[in-house]
Amino acid sequence: MSVGSIWIIAGLLKVVLANGNFSISQYFRATDGEGYQVCSTSQPSVVIYGIRRRVSCLLEHCVPTESCLSANYYTDTGKCELFYSSSINLLRSTDDCVHYQVMQLHFQ
């Protein structure tokens, strides 16, 4: 099993144990009409620095918070921006940032 798979499984287990129910999160990477990645230019709700992997930004910081609807992850700096509002502007094409929309499905 690869290290990436172990991190994902560990993150999902963390969500299950923290919430007491089973939660599957699907991430949709935002792109423009030509398939290039874009980032939100909106003011983030929370900014976290020093995140080494985008999966950590999503699974450790966004998923446990039910109010987290999307996230920007900057690969060069390790900055993770969380968005709790559904009014997101995806205006900036970039190479160093990826924006993910989060859709959470909860099973009791």
PDB file of N, CA and C in Angstrom:
ATOM      1  N   MET A   1       0.852  -1.165   0.000  1.00  0.00           N
ATOM      2  CA  MET A   1       0.000   0.000   0.000  1.00  0.00           C
ATOM      3  C   MET A   1       0.902   1.233   0.000  1.00  0.00           C
ATOM      4  N   SER A   2       0.577   2.214  -0.825  1.00  0.00           N
ATOM      5  CA  SER A   2       1.414   3.406  -0.939  1.00  0.00           C
ATOM      6  C   SER A   2       1.205   4.340   0.251  1.00  0.00           C
ATOM      7  N   VAL A   3       2.168   5.204   0.470  1.00  0.00           N
ATOM      8  CA  VAL A   3       2.106   6.165   1.570  1.00  0.00           C
ATOM      9  C   VAL A   3       0.901   7.089   1.404  1.00  0.00           C
ATOM     10  N   GLY A   4       0.622   7.519   0.165  1.00  0.00           N
ATOM     11  CA  GLY A   4      -0.536   8.384  -0.084  1.00  0.00           C
ATOM     12  C   GLY A   4      -1.840   7.720   0.309  1.00  0.00           C
ATOM     13  N   SER A   5      -1.966   6.426   0.006  1.00  0.00           N
ATOM     14  CA  SER A   5      -3.183   5.693   0.371  1.00  0.00           C
ATOM     15  C   SER A   5      -3.334   5.598   1.883  1.00  0.00           C
ATOM     16  N   ILE A   6      -2.229   5.401   2.566  1.00  0.00           N
ATOM     17  CA  ILE A   6      -2.267   5.315   4.032  1.00  0.00           C
ATOM     18  C   ILE A   6      -2.734   6.642   4.627  1.00  0.00           C
ATOM     19  N   TRP A   7      -2.246   7.773   4.073  1.00  0.00           N
ATOM     20  CA  TRP A   7      -2.666   9.089   4.571  1.00  0.00           C
ATOM     21  C   TRP A   7      -4.162   9.308   4.363  1.00  0.00           C
ATOM     22  N   ILE A   8      -4.670   8.899   3.214  1.00  0.00           N
ATOM     23  CA  ILE A   8      -6.094   9.071   2.932  1.00  0.00           C
ATOM     24  C   ILE A   8      -6.931   8.218   3.877  1.00  0.00           C
ATOM     25  N   ILE A   9      -6.548   6.973   4.062  1.00  0.00           N
ATOM     26  CA  ILE A   9      -7.278   6.086   4.967  1.00  0.00           C
ATOM     27  C   ILE A   9      -7.233   6.626   6.394  1.00  0.00           C
ATOM     28  N   ALA A  10      -6.054   7.092   6.815  1.00  0.00           N
ATOM     29  CA  ALA A  10      -5.927   7.654   8.168  1.00  0.00           C
ATOM     30  C   ALA A  10      -6.819   8.879   8.334  1.00  0.00           C
ATOM     31  N   GLY A  11      -6.878   9.723   7.312  1.00  0.00           N
ATOM     32  CA  GLY A  11      -7.730  10.908   7.375  1.00  0.00           C
ATOM     33  C   GLY A  11      -9.197  10.556   7.467  1.00  0.00           C
ATOM     34  N   LEU A  12      -9.628   9.574   6.683  1.00  0.00           N
ATOM     35  CA  LEU A  12     -11.032   9.154   6.730  1.00  0.00           C
ATOM     36  C   LEU A  12     -11.374   8.512   8.070  1.00  0.00           C
ATOM     37  N   LEU A  13     -10.451   7.729   8.620  1.00  0.00           N
ATOM     38  CA  LEU A  13     -10.684   7.154   9.944  1.00  0.00           C
ATOM     39  C   LEU A  13     -10.802   8.239  11.002  1.00  0.00           C
ATOM     40  N   LYS A  14      -9.976   9.264  10.868  1.00  0.00           N
ATOM     41  CA  LYS A  14     -10.036  10.390  11.804  1.00  0.00           C
ATOM     42  C   LYS A  14     -11.409  11.045  11.766  1.00  0.00           C
ATOM     43  N   VAL A  15     -11.960  11.207  10.563  1.00  0.00           N
ATOM     44  CA  VAL A  15     -13.291  11.804  10.416  1.00  0.00           C
ATOM     45  C   VAL A  15     -14.345  10.917  11.046  1.00  0.00           C
ATOM     46  N   VAL A  16     -14.284   9.625  10.807  1.00  0.00           N
ATOM     47  CA  VAL A  16     -15.267   8.694  11.352  1.00  0.00           C
ATOM     48  C   VAL A  16     -15.216   8.709  12.871  1.00  0.00           C
ATOM     49  N   LEU A  17     -14.026   8.649  13.438  1.00  0.00           N
ATOM     50  CA  LEU A  17     -13.896   8.606  14.888  1.00  0.00           C
ATOM     51  C   LEU A  17     -14.287   9.932  15.533  1.00  0.00           C
ATOM     52  N   ALA A  18     -13.992  11.043  14.887  1.00  0.00           N
ATOM     53  CA  ALA A  18     -14.302  12.352  15.459  1.00  0.00           C
ATOM     54  C   ALA A  18     -15.800  12.646  15.424  1.00  0.00           C
ATOM     55  N   ASN A  19     -16.474  12.255  14.354  1.00  0.00           N
ATOM     56  CA  ASN A  19     -17.883  12.600  14.191  1.00  0.00           C
ATOM     57  C   ASN A  19     -18.837  11.523  14.695  1.00  0.00           C
ATOM     58  N   GLY A  20     -18.352  10.308  14.842  1.00  0.00           N
ATOM     59  CA  GLY A  20     -19.232   9.237  15.282  1.00  0.00           C
ATOM     60  C   GLY A  20     -20.117   8.695  14.178  1.00  0.00           C
ATOM     61  N   ASN A  21     -19.932   9.180  12.949  1.00  0.00           N
ATOM     62  CA  ASN A  21     -20.683   8.633  11.823  1.00  0.00           C
ATOM     63  C   ASN A  21     -19.744   8.513  10.627  1.00  0.00           C
ATOM     64  N   PHE A  22     -20.192   7.838   9.612  1.00  0.00           N
ATOM     65  CA  PHE A  22     -19.361   7.619   8.442  1.00  0.00           C
ATOM     66  C   PHE A  22     -19.532   8.772   7.470  1.00  0.00           C
ATOM     67  N   SER A  23     -18.443   9.365   7.052  1.00  0.00           N
ATOM     68  CA  SER A  23     -18.499  10.516   6.156  1.00  0.00           C
ATOM     69  C   SER A  23     -17.566  10.281   4.976  1.00  0.00           C
ATOM     70  N   ILE A  24     -18.092  10.392   3.774  1.00  0.00           N
ATOM     71  CA  ILE A  24     -17.275  10.291   2.573  1.00  0.00           C
ATOM     72  C   ILE A  24     -17.245  11.664   1.937  1.00  0.00           C
ATOM     73  N   SER A  25     -16.060  12.172   1.692  1.00  0.00           N
ATOM     74  CA  SER A  25     -15.950  13.479   1.056  1.00  0.00           C
ATOM     75  C   SER A  25     -15.402  13.302  -0.344  1.00  0.00           C
ATOM     76  N   GLN A  26     -16.000  13.999  -1.263  1.00  0.00           N
ATOM     77  CA  GLN A  26     -15.517  13.994  -2.633  1.00  0.00           C
ATOM     78  C   GLN A  26     -14.987  15.375  -2.923  1.00  0.00           C
ATOM     79  N   TYR A  27     -13.860  15.422  -3.594  1.00  0.00           N
ATOM     80  CA  TYR A  27     -13.213  16.684  -3.917  1.00  0.00           C
ATOM     81  C   TYR A  27     -13.231  16.877  -5.417  1.00  0.00           C
ATOM     82  N   PHE A  28     -13.599  18.060  -5.823  1.00  0.00           N
ATOM     83  CA  PHE A  28     -13.613  18.395  -7.229  1.00  0.00           C
ATOM     84  C   PHE A  28     -12.609  19.515  -7.450  1.00  0.00           C
ATOM     85  N   ARG A  29     -11.562  19.229  -8.199  1.00  0.00           N
ATOM     86  CA  ARG A  29     -10.566  20.255  -8.487  1.00  0.00           C
ATOM     87  C   ARG A  29     -11.151  21.221  -9.497  1.00  0.00           C
ATOM     88  N   ALA A  30     -11.121  22.502  -9.162  1.00  0.00           N
ATOM     89  CA  ALA A  30     -11.705  23.529 -10.024  1.00  0.00           C
ATOM     90  C   ALA A  30     -10.761  23.842 -11.172  1.00  0.00           C
ATOM     91  N   THR A  31     -11.332  23.948 -12.367  1.00  0.00           N
ATOM     92  CA  THR A  31     -10.558  24.302 -13.556  1.00  0.00           C
ATOM     93  C   THR A  31     -11.343  25.314 -14.382  1.00  0.00           C
ATOM     94  N   ASP A  32     -10.617  25.999 -15.258  1.00  0.00           N
ATOM     95  CA  ASP A  32     -11.295  26.922 -16.165  1.00  0.00           C
ATOM     96  C   ASP A  32     -11.815  26.149 -17.369  1.00  0.00           C
ATOM     97  N   GLY A  33     -12.350  26.831 -18.351  1.00  0.00           N
ATOM     98  CA  GLY A  33     -12.924  26.189 -19.528  1.00  0.00           C
ATOM     99  C   GLY A  33     -11.931  25.396 -20.355  1.00  0.00           C
ATOM    100  N   GLU A  34     -10.642  25.682 -20.198  1.00  0.00           N
ATOM    101  CA  GLU A  34      -9.610  24.972 -20.951  1.00  0.00           C
ATOM    102  C   GLU A  34      -8.923  23.889 -20.132  1.00  0.00           C
ATOM    103  N   GLY A  35      -9.389  23.656 -18.922  1.00  0.00           N
ATOM    104  CA  GLY A  35      -8.836  22.602 -18.082  1.00  0.00           C
ATOM    105  C   GLY A  35      -7.674  23.025 -17.195  1.00  0.00           C
ATOM    106  N   TYR A  36      -7.327  24.313 -17.173  1.00  0.00           N
ATOM    107  CA  TYR A  36      -6.249  24.785 -16.312  1.00  0.00           C
ATOM    108  C   TYR A  36      -6.778  25.007 -14.911  1.00  0.00           C
ATOM    109  N   GLN A  37      -5.953  24.687 -13.908  1.00  0.00           N
ATOM    110  CA  GLN A  37      -6.385  24.858 -12.523  1.00  0.00           C
ATOM    111  C   GLN A  37      -6.523  26.334 -12.169  1.00  0.00           C
ATOM    112  N   VAL A  38      -7.498  26.620 -11.330  1.00  0.00           N
ATOM    113  CA  VAL A  38      -7.778  27.982 -10.888  1.00  0.00           C
ATOM    114  C   VAL A  38      -7.856  28.001  -9.373  1.00  0.00           C
ATOM    115  N   CYS A  39      -7.737  29.209  -8.805  1.00  0.00           N
ATOM    116  CA  CYS A  39      -7.862  29.404  -7.369  1.00  0.00           C
ATOM    117  C   CYS A  39      -8.870  30.486  -7.078  1.00  0.00           C
ATOM    118  N   SER A  40      -9.462  30.392  -5.924  1.00  0.00           N
ATOM    119  CA  SER A  40     -10.421  31.397  -5.502  1.00  0.00           C
ATOM    120  C   SER A  40      -9.692  32.671  -5.118  1.00  0.00           C
ATOM    121  N   THR A  41     -10.279  33.794  -5.485  1.00  0.00           N
ATOM    122  CA  THR A  41      -9.742  35.087  -5.094  1.00  0.00           C
ATOM    123  C   THR A  41     -10.539  35.672  -3.936  1.00  0.00           C
ATOM    124  N   SER A  42     -11.509  34.920  -3.424  1.00  0.00           N
ATOM    125  CA  SER A  42     -12.322  35.370  -2.295  1.00  0.00           C
ATOM    126  C   SER A  42     -11.498  35.387  -1.011  1.00  0.00           C
ATOM    127  N   GLN A  43     -11.974  36.131  -0.031  1.00  0.00           N
ATOM    128  CA  GLN A  43     -11.340  36.170   1.279  1.00  0.00           C
ATOM    129  C   GLN A  43     -11.598  34.835   1.987  1.00  0.00           C
ATOM    130  N   PRO A  44     -10.552  34.086   2.360  1.00  0.00           N
ATOM    131  CA  PRO A  44     -10.770  32.802   3.034  1.00  0.00           C
ATOM    132  C   PRO A  44     -11.285  32.986   4.456  1.00  0.00           C
ATOM    133  N   SER A  45     -11.971  31.973   4.947  1.00  0.00           N
ATOM    134  CA  SER A  45     -12.449  31.986   6.328  1.00  0.00           C
ATOM    135  C   SER A  45     -11.312  31.693   7.303  1.00  0.00           C
ATOM    136  N   VAL A  46     -10.416  30.788   6.900  1.00  0.00           N
ATOM    137  CA  VAL A  46      -9.282  30.379   7.724  1.00  0.00           C
ATOM    138  C   VAL A  46      -8.076  30.199   6.816  1.00  0.00           C
ATOM    139  N   VAL A  47      -6.889  30.618   7.295  1.00  0.00           N
ATOM    140  CA  VAL A  47      -5.634  30.398   6.576  1.00  0.00           C
ATOM    141  C   VAL A  47      -4.695  29.632   7.497  1.00  0.00           C
ATOM    142  N   ILE A  48      -4.132  28.539   6.992  1.00  0.00           N
ATOM    143  CA  ILE A  48      -3.206  27.708   7.760  1.00  0.00           C
ATOM    144  C   ILE A  48      -1.906  27.621   6.965  1.00  0.00           C
ATOM    145  N   TYR A  49      -0.794  27.845   7.623  1.00  0.00           N
ATOM    146  CA  TYR A  49       0.512  27.815   6.961  1.00  0.00           C
ATOM    147  C   TYR A  49       1.278  26.552   7.337  1.00  0.00           C
ATOM    148  N   GLY A  50       2.212  26.167   6.472  1.00  0.00           N
ATOM    149  CA  GLY A  50       3.103  25.049   6.763  1.00  0.00           C
ATOM    150  C   GLY A  50       2.523  23.676   6.505  1.00  0.00           C
ATOM    151  N   ILE A  51       1.516  23.582   5.665  1.00  0.00           N
ATOM    152  CA  ILE A  51       0.921  22.289   5.322  1.00  0.00           C
ATOM    153  C   ILE A  51       1.733  21.692   4.176  1.00  0.00           C
ATOM    154  N   ARG A  52       2.287  20.526   4.378  1.00  0.00           N
ATOM    155  CA  ARG A  52       3.212  19.939   3.392  1.00  0.00           C
ATOM    156  C   ARG A  52       2.526  19.264   2.213  1.00  0.00           C
ATOM    157  N   ARG A  53       1.297  18.792   2.399  1.00  0.00           N
ATOM    158  CA  ARG A  53       0.612  18.070   1.324  1.00  0.00           C
ATOM    159  C   ARG A  53      -0.823  18.551   1.211  1.00  0.00           C
ATOM    160  N   ARG A  54      -1.317  18.598  -0.005  1.00  0.00           N
ATOM    161  CA  ARG A  54      -2.701  19.059  -0.196  1.00  0.00           C
ATOM    162  C   ARG A  54      -3.707  18.115   0.443  1.00  0.00           C
ATOM    163  N   VAL A  55      -3.392  16.824   0.524  1.00  0.00           N
ATOM    164  CA  VAL A  55      -4.306  15.886   1.170  1.00  0.00           C
ATOM    165  C   VAL A  55      -4.451  16.239   2.651  1.00  0.00           C
ATOM    166  N   SER A  56      -3.405  16.759   3.272  1.00  0.00           N
ATOM    167  CA  SER A  56      -3.490  17.209   4.670  1.00  0.00           C
ATOM    168  C   SER A  56      -4.394  18.425   4.788  1.00  0.00           C
ATOM    169  N   CYS A  57      -4.285  19.327   3.842  1.00  0.00           N
ATOM    170  CA  CYS A  57      -5.147  20.512   3.831  1.00  0.00           C
ATOM    171  C   CYS A  57      -6.611  20.083   3.800  1.00  0.00           C
ATOM    172  N   LEU A  58      -6.919  19.124   2.952  1.00  0.00           N
ATOM    173  CA  LEU A  58      -8.298  18.687   2.779  1.00  0.00           C
ATOM    174  C   LEU A  58      -8.778  17.772   3.900  1.00  0.00           C
ATOM    175  N   LEU A  59      -8.037  16.710   4.186  1.00  0.00           N
ATOM    176  CA  LEU A  59      -8.512  15.703   5.131  1.00  0.00           C
ATOM    177  C   LEU A  59      -8.345  16.098   6.591  1.00  0.00           C
ATOM    178  N   GLU A  60      -7.288  16.819   6.921  1.00  0.00           N
ATOM    179  CA  GLU A  60      -7.042  17.159   8.317  1.00  0.00           C
ATOM    180  C   GLU A  60      -7.658  18.489   8.736  1.00  0.00           C
ATOM    181  N   HIS A  61      -7.823  19.407   7.790  1.00  0.00           N
ATOM    182  CA  HIS A  61      -8.287  20.737   8.169  1.00  0.00           C
ATOM    183  C   HIS A  61      -9.661  21.101   7.612  1.00  0.00           C
ATOM    184  N   CYS A  62     -10.017  20.571   6.455  1.00  0.00           N
ATOM    185  CA  CYS A  62     -11.301  20.938   5.853  1.00  0.00           C
ATOM    186  C   CYS A  62     -12.408  19.948   6.208  1.00  0.00           C
ATOM    187  N   VAL A  63     -12.169  18.666   6.031  1.00  0.00           N
ATOM    188  CA  VAL A  63     -13.207  17.649   6.217  1.00  0.00           C
ATOM    189  C   VAL A  63     -13.769  17.595   7.635  1.00  0.00           C
ATOM    190  N   PRO A  64     -12.947  17.667   8.695  1.00  0.00           N
ATOM    191  CA  PRO A  64     -13.543  17.598  10.037  1.00  0.00           C
ATOM    192  C   PRO A  64     -14.505  18.745  10.342  1.00  0.00           C
ATOM    193  N   THR A  65     -14.411  19.826   9.599  1.00  0.00           N
ATOM    194  CA  THR A  65     -15.291  20.974   9.791  1.00  0.00           C
ATOM    195  C   THR A  65     -16.407  20.898   8.763  1.00  0.00           C
ATOM    196  N   GLU A  66     -17.627  20.638   9.193  1.00  0.00           N
ATOM    197  CA  GLU A  66     -18.737  20.512   8.255  1.00  0.00           C
ATOM    198  C   GLU A  66     -19.018  21.799   7.510  1.00  0.00           C
ATOM    199  N   SER A  67     -18.562  22.931   8.047  1.00  0.00           N
ATOM    200  CA  SER A  67     -18.802  24.212   7.390  1.00  0.00           C
ATOM    201  C   SER A  67     -17.805  24.493   6.273  1.00  0.00           C
ATOM    202  N   CYS A  68     -16.768  23.669   6.119  1.00  0.00           N
ATOM    203  CA  CYS A  68     -15.775  23.883   5.065  1.00  0.00           C
ATOM    204  C   CYS A  68     -16.338  23.391   3.731  1.00  0.00           C
ATOM    205  N   LEU A  69     -16.520  24.327   2.808  1.00  0.00           N
ATOM    206  CA  LEU A  69     -17.107  23.998   1.513  1.00  0.00           C
ATOM    207  C   LEU A  69     -16.086  23.893   0.396  1.00  0.00           C
ATOM    208  N   SER A  70     -14.925  24.547   0.579  1.00  0.00           N
ATOM    209  CA  SER A  70     -13.874  24.483  -0.425  1.00  0.00           C
ATOM    210  C   SER A  70     -12.555  24.926   0.184  1.00  0.00           C
ATOM    211  N   ALA A  71     -11.467  24.695  -0.570  1.00  0.00           N
ATOM    212  CA  ALA A  71     -10.136  25.036  -0.066  1.00  0.00           C
ATOM    213  C   ALA A  71      -9.197  25.352  -1.213  1.00  0.00           C
ATOM    214  N   ASN A  72      -8.300  26.297  -0.983  1.00  0.00           N
ATOM    215  CA  ASN A  72      -7.156  26.555  -1.864  1.00  0.00           C
ATOM    216  C   ASN A  72      -5.937  25.929  -1.224  1.00  0.00           C
ATOM    217  N   TYR A  73      -5.087  25.296  -2.026  1.00  0.00           N
ATOM    218  CA  TYR A  73      -3.807  24.803  -1.513  1.00  0.00           C
ATOM    219  C   TYR A  73      -2.702  25.314  -2.420  1.00  0.00           C
ATOM    220  N   TYR A  74      -1.726  25.987  -1.820  1.00  0.00           N
ATOM    221  CA  TYR A  74      -0.585  26.543  -2.542  1.00  0.00           C
ATOM    222  C   TYR A  74       0.588  25.576  -2.414  1.00  0.00           C
ATOM    223  N   THR A  75       0.964  24.938  -3.522  1.00  0.00           N
ATOM    224  CA  THR A  75       1.999  23.916  -3.497  1.00  0.00           C
ATOM    225  C   THR A  75       3.379  24.473  -3.159  1.00  0.00           C
ATOM    226  N   ASP A  76       3.678  25.694  -3.579  1.00  0.00           N
ATOM    227  CA  ASP A  76       5.009  26.269  -3.334  1.00  0.00           C
ATOM    228  C   ASP A  76       5.223  26.672  -1.879  1.00  0.00           C
ATOM    229  N   THR A  77       4.198  27.173  -1.229  1.00  0.00           N
ATOM    230  CA  THR A  77       4.348  27.716   0.126  1.00  0.00           C
ATOM    231  C   THR A  77       3.733  26.846   1.217  1.00  0.00           C
ATOM    232  N   GLY A  78       2.877  25.892   0.852  1.00  0.00           N
ATOM    233  CA  GLY A  78       2.208  25.067   1.850  1.00  0.00           C
ATOM    234  C   GLY A  78       1.084  25.782   2.571  1.00  0.00           C
ATOM    235  N   LYS A  79       0.554  26.829   1.947  1.00  0.00           N
ATOM    236  CA  LYS A  79      -0.556  27.569   2.547  1.00  0.00           C
ATOM    237  C   LYS A  79      -1.874  26.890   2.177  1.00  0.00           C
ATOM    238  N   CYS A  80      -2.739  26.737   3.174  1.00  0.00           N
ATOM    239  CA  CYS A  80      -4.049  26.115   3.005  1.00  0.00           C
ATOM    240  C   CYS A  80      -5.094  27.155   3.395  1.00  0.00           C
ATOM    241  N   GLU A  81      -5.978  27.501   2.460  1.00  0.00           N
ATOM    242  CA  GLU A  81      -7.048  28.458   2.724  1.00  0.00           C
ATOM    243  C   GLU A  81      -8.377  27.717   2.706  1.00  0.00           C
ATOM    244  N   LEU A  82      -9.133  27.857   3.779  1.00  0.00           N
ATOM    245  CA  LEU A  82     -10.429  27.194   3.888  1.00  0.00           C
ATOM    246  C   LEU A  82     -11.539  28.212   3.695  1.00  0.00           C
ATOM    247  N   PHE A  83     -12.595  27.807   3.001  1.00  0.00           N
ATOM    248  CA  PHE A  83     -13.728  28.681   2.707  1.00  0.00           C
ATOM    249  C   PHE A  83     -14.999  28.067   3.287  1.00  0.00           C
ATOM    250  N   TYR A  84     -15.697  28.833   4.112  1.00  0.00           N
ATOM    251  CA  TYR A  84     -16.935  28.378   4.729  1.00  0.00           C
ATOM    252  C   TYR A  84     -18.160  28.968   4.038  1.00  0.00           C
ATOM    253  N   SER A  85     -17.949  29.794   3.039  1.00  0.00           N
ATOM    254  CA  SER A  85     -19.036  30.435   2.303  1.00  0.00           C
ATOM    255  C   SER A  85     -19.178  29.787   0.935  1.00  0.00           C
ATOM    256  N   SER A  86     -20.405  29.732   0.439  1.00  0.00           N
ATOM    257  CA  SER A  86     -20.629  29.149  -0.889  1.00  0.00           C
ATOM    258  C   SER A  86     -20.406  30.167  -2.011  1.00  0.00           C
ATOM    259  N   SER A  87     -20.235  31.433  -1.670  1.00  0.00           N
ATOM    260  CA  SER A  87     -19.998  32.458  -2.697  1.00  0.00           C
ATOM    261  C   SER A  87     -18.492  32.589  -2.943  1.00  0.00           C
ATOM    262  N   ILE A  88     -17.995  31.762  -3.840  1.00  0.00           N
ATOM    263  CA  ILE A  88     -16.565  31.695  -4.145  1.00  0.00           C
ATOM    264  C   ILE A  88     -16.344  32.210  -5.559  1.00  0.00           C
ATOM    265  N   ASN A  89     -15.338  33.065  -5.713  1.00  0.00           N
ATOM    266  CA  ASN A  89     -14.935  33.546  -7.035  1.00  0.00           C
ATOM    267  C   ASN A  89     -13.735  32.740  -7.510  1.00  0.00           C
ATOM    268  N   LEU A  90     -13.858  32.083  -8.636  1.00  0.00           N
ATOM    269  CA  LEU A  90     -12.743  31.330  -9.205  1.00  0.00           C
ATOM    270  C   LEU A  90     -12.245  32.105 -10.414  1.00  0.00           C
ATOM    271  N   LEU A  91     -11.380  33.012 -10.161  1.00  0.00           N
ATOM    272  CA  LEU A  91     -10.988  33.916 -11.228  1.00  0.00           C
ATOM    273  C   LEU A  91      -9.539  33.802 -11.661  1.00  0.00           C
ATOM    274  N   ARG A  92      -8.694  33.253 -10.845  1.00  0.00           N
ATOM    275  CA  ARG A  92      -7.267  33.327 -11.101  1.00  0.00           C
ATOM    276  C   ARG A  92      -6.719  31.985 -11.569  1.00  0.00           C
ATOM    277  N   SER A  93      -6.195  31.952 -12.795  1.00  0.00           N
ATOM    278  CA  SER A  93      -5.465  30.776 -13.262  1.00  0.00           C
ATOM    279  C   SER A  93      -4.064  30.834 -12.668  1.00  0.00           C
ATOM    280  N   THR A  94      -3.580  29.699 -12.216  1.00  0.00           N
ATOM    281  CA  THR A  94      -2.291  29.683 -11.535  1.00  0.00           C
ATOM    282  C   THR A  94      -1.640  28.315 -11.622  1.00  0.00           C
ATOM    283  N   ASP A  95      -0.340  28.286 -11.476  1.00  0.00           N
ATOM    284  CA  ASP A  95       0.380  27.019 -11.449  1.00  0.00           C
ATOM    285  C   ASP A  95       0.661  26.546 -10.032  1.00  0.00           C
ATOM    286  N   ASP A  96       0.722  27.474  -9.070  1.00  0.00           N
ATOM    287  CA  ASP A  96       1.131  27.113  -7.716  1.00  0.00           C
ATOM    288  C   ASP A  96      -0.031  26.913  -6.755  1.00  0.00           C
ATOM    289  N   CYS A  97      -1.266  27.037  -7.219  1.00  0.00           N
ATOM    290  CA  CYS A  97      -2.424  26.913  -6.332  1.00  0.00           C
ATOM    291  C   CYS A  97      -3.490  26.044  -6.984  1.00  0.00           C
ATOM    292  N   VAL A  98      -4.149  25.235  -6.150  1.00  0.00           N
ATOM    293  CA  VAL A  98      -5.234  24.377  -6.611  1.00  0.00           C
ATOM    294  C   VAL A  98      -6.439  24.645  -5.704  1.00  0.00           C
ATOM    295  N   HIS A  99      -7.611  24.794  -6.312  1.00  0.00           N
ATOM    296  CA  HIS A  99      -8.841  24.998  -5.552  1.00  0.00           C
ATOM    297  C   HIS A  99      -9.677  23.730  -5.633  1.00  0.00           C
ATOM    298  N   TYR A 100     -10.165  23.282  -4.477  1.00  0.00           N
ATOM    299  CA  TYR A 100     -11.006  22.090  -4.401  1.00  0.00           C
ATOM    300  C   TYR A 100     -12.366  22.451  -3.837  1.00  0.00           C
ATOM    301  N   GLN A 101     -13.400  22.003  -4.497  1.00  0.00           N
ATOM    302  CA  GLN A 101     -14.761  22.080  -3.976  1.00  0.00           C
ATOM    303  C   GLN A 101     -14.991  20.789  -3.182  1.00  0.00           C
ATOM    304  N   VAL A 102     -15.639  20.887  -2.053  1.00  0.00           N
ATOM    305  CA  VAL A 102     -15.869  19.731  -1.199  1.00  0.00           C
ATOM    306  C   VAL A 102     -17.356  19.428  -1.177  1.00  0.00           C
ATOM    307  N   MET A 103     -17.700  18.186  -1.464  1.00  0.00           N
ATOM    308  CA  MET A 103     -19.082  17.745  -1.363  1.00  0.00           C
ATOM    309  C   MET A 103     -19.107  16.622  -0.342  1.00  0.00           C
ATOM    310  N   GLN A 104     -19.779  16.819   0.771  1.00  0.00           N
ATOM    311  CA  GLN A 104     -19.804  15.816   1.816  1.00  0.00           C
ATOM    312  C   GLN A 104     -21.115  15.057   1.804  1.00  0.00           C
ATOM    313  N   LEU A 105     -21.007  13.750   1.818  1.00  0.00           N
ATOM    314  CA  LEU A 105     -22.160  12.868   1.901  1.00  0.00           C
ATOM    315  C   LEU A 105     -22.075  12.165   3.250  1.00  0.00           C
ATOM    316  N   HIS A 106     -23.117  12.228   4.057  1.00  0.00           N
ATOM    317  CA  HIS A 106     -23.099  11.636   5.380  1.00  0.00           C
ATOM    318  C   HIS A 106     -24.023  10.425   5.424  1.00  0.00           C
ATOM    319  N   PHE A 107     -23.512   9.349   6.004  1.00  0.00           N
ATOM    320  CA  PHE A 107     -24.299   8.143   6.183  1.00  0.00           C
ATOM    321  C   PHE A 107     -24.395   7.877   7.677  1.00  0.00           C
ATOM    322  N   GLN A 108     -25.575   7.680   8.186  1.00  0.00           N
ATOM    323  CA  GLN A 108     -25.789   7.425   9.613  1.00  0.00           C
ATOM    324  C   GLN A 108     -25.715   5.937   9.871  1.00  0.00           C
TER     325      GLN A 108
END
